[in-house]
Amino acid sequence: MPLPARAFHYMRFNRDSCVVVSDEQVSTSLGDETVILGMEDGVYYGLDAVGARIWALLATPRRVSELVSTILGEFDVTPEQCERDVLALLDDLFDRRLVSEVDGSDAAVS
């Protein structure tokens, strides 16, 4: 039986990737959520509380491993699921040109 197509989806980022919000967007917080307007496509995107927290962290360049560590400390999720979900979110945001990858020397020091 063939595997679902998503199983072969290429993940752009890994734990060592350094990511930051793109200049091609504007965003605002609405309670625990965030709304983002993609300037290139004119589409509004919404993030739930976890996505909004990741978005807030990405105001300065962050390594994926740092994002995962922060989310693990603040939300009830297993490490494996957290890493999978963070990578999937970043991949989706990148596809929509809402985040970009930067040189790791730009990462925030926490």
Protein backbone atom coordinates (compact mmCIF):
# COMPACT_ATOMS: atom_id res chain seq x y z
CA MET A 1 0.00 0.00 0.00
CA PRO A 2 1.49 3.39 -0.97
CA LEU A 3 2.13 5.95 1.73
CA PRO A 4 0.19 9.23 1.74
CA ALA A 5 1.80 11.96 -0.36
CA ARG A 6 2.40 14.11 2.76
CA ALA A 7 4.75 11.41 4.10
CA PHE A 8 7.24 12.43 1.40
CA HIS A 9 6.84 16.17 1.91
CA TYR A 10 10.22 17.87 1.92
CA MET A 11 10.88 19.74 5.16
CA ARG A 12 12.94 22.82 4.43
CA PHE A 13 14.11 23.38 7.99
CA ASN A 14 15.88 21.29 10.62
CA ARG A 15 16.81 21.82 14.29
CA ASP A 16 19.86 23.91 13.33
CA SER A 17 18.03 26.22 10.93
CA CYS A 18 17.78 29.86 11.93
CA VAL A 19 14.46 31.52 11.04
CA VAL A 20 12.99 35.05 11.32
CA VAL A 21 9.77 36.75 10.22
CA SER A 22 9.85 38.13 6.70
CA ASP A 23 9.66 41.80 5.77
CA GLU A 24 6.88 40.79 3.34
CA GLN A 25 4.16 40.74 6.04
CA VAL A 26 2.42 42.76 8.72
CA SER A 27 0.95 41.16 11.81
CA THR A 28 -0.92 41.95 14.99
CA SER A 29 -1.87 40.10 18.16
CA LEU A 30 -5.53 39.54 18.97
CA GLY A 31 -5.68 38.09 22.46
CA ASP A 32 -3.85 34.75 22.37
CA GLU A 33 -3.88 34.65 18.57
CA THR A 34 -2.00 36.42 15.80
CA VAL A 35 -3.25 37.63 12.42
CA ILE A 36 -0.74 38.01 9.60
CA LEU A 37 -1.24 39.74 6.25
CA GLY A 38 1.04 38.40 3.54
CA MET A 39 2.02 41.46 1.52
CA GLU A 40 2.88 39.44 -1.58
CA ASP A 41 -0.38 37.48 -1.83
CA GLY A 42 -2.73 39.81 0.09
CA VAL A 43 -4.02 36.90 2.16
CA TYR A 44 -4.71 37.02 5.90
CA TYR A 45 -3.43 34.10 8.00
CA GLY A 46 -4.35 33.25 11.57
CA LEU A 47 -2.24 31.54 14.22
CA ASP A 48 -3.57 29.95 17.40
CA ALA A 49 -1.92 30.50 20.80
CA VAL A 50 1.01 28.15 20.13
CA GLY A 51 1.59 29.49 16.63
CA ALA A 52 1.31 33.04 17.96
CA ARG A 53 3.99 32.30 20.57
CA ILE A 54 6.31 30.93 17.89
CA TRP A 55 5.58 33.99 15.74
CA ALA A 56 6.44 36.32 18.63
CA LEU A 57 9.74 34.49 19.18
CA LEU A 58 10.56 34.88 15.48
CA ALA A 59 10.63 38.68 15.77
CA THR A 60 14.36 38.08 16.18
CA PRO A 61 16.21 35.26 14.40
CA ARG A 62 15.89 31.95 16.28
CA ARG A 63 17.17 28.45 15.80
CA VAL A 64 14.48 25.82 15.45
CA SER A 65 15.95 23.97 18.43
CA GLU A 66 15.41 27.08 20.58
CA LEU A 67 11.80 27.39 19.42
CA VAL A 68 11.14 23.74 20.27
CA SER A 69 12.75 24.10 23.69
CA THR A 70 10.68 27.20 24.51
CA ILE A 71 7.40 25.62 23.39
CA LEU A 72 8.16 22.45 25.38
CA GLY A 73 8.59 24.58 28.49
CA GLU A 74 5.34 26.48 27.99
CA PHE A 75 2.88 23.94 26.52
CA ASP A 76 1.89 20.35 27.27
CA VAL A 77 3.32 18.46 24.28
CA THR A 78 5.80 15.62 23.74
CA PRO A 79 9.23 16.56 22.37
CA GLU A 80 8.67 14.55 19.17
CA GLN A 81 5.27 16.10 18.46
CA CYS A 82 6.55 19.57 19.29
CA GLU A 83 9.47 19.36 16.89
CA ARG A 84 7.26 17.90 14.14
CA ASP A 85 4.64 20.63 14.58
CA VAL A 86 7.16 23.48 14.78
CA LEU A 87 8.91 22.29 11.62
CA ALA A 88 5.59 21.89 9.79
CA LEU A 89 4.46 25.40 10.80
CA LEU A 90 7.76 26.95 9.72
CA ASP A 91 7.58 25.10 6.41
CA ASP A 92 4.04 26.42 5.79
CA LEU A 93 5.04 29.96 6.77
CA PHE A 94 8.06 29.80 4.47
CA ASP A 95 5.91 28.59 1.55
CA ARG A 96 3.74 31.68 2.07
CA ARG A 97 6.85 33.93 2.28
CA LEU A 98 6.05 34.91 5.87
CA VAL A 99 9.38 33.73 7.32
CA SER A 100 12.86 33.39 5.92
CA GLU A 101 15.97 31.47 6.79
CA VAL A 102 19.00 33.47 7.89
CA ASP A 103 22.60 32.75 8.78
CA GLY A 104 22.88 31.09 12.19
CA SER A 105 25.19 33.81 13.47
CA ASP A 106 22.12 36.08 13.49
CA ALA A 107 20.31 33.90 16.06
CA ALA A 108 19.17 35.53 19.28
CA VAL A 109 21.12 34.62 22.37
CA SER A 110 18.86 33.60 25.22
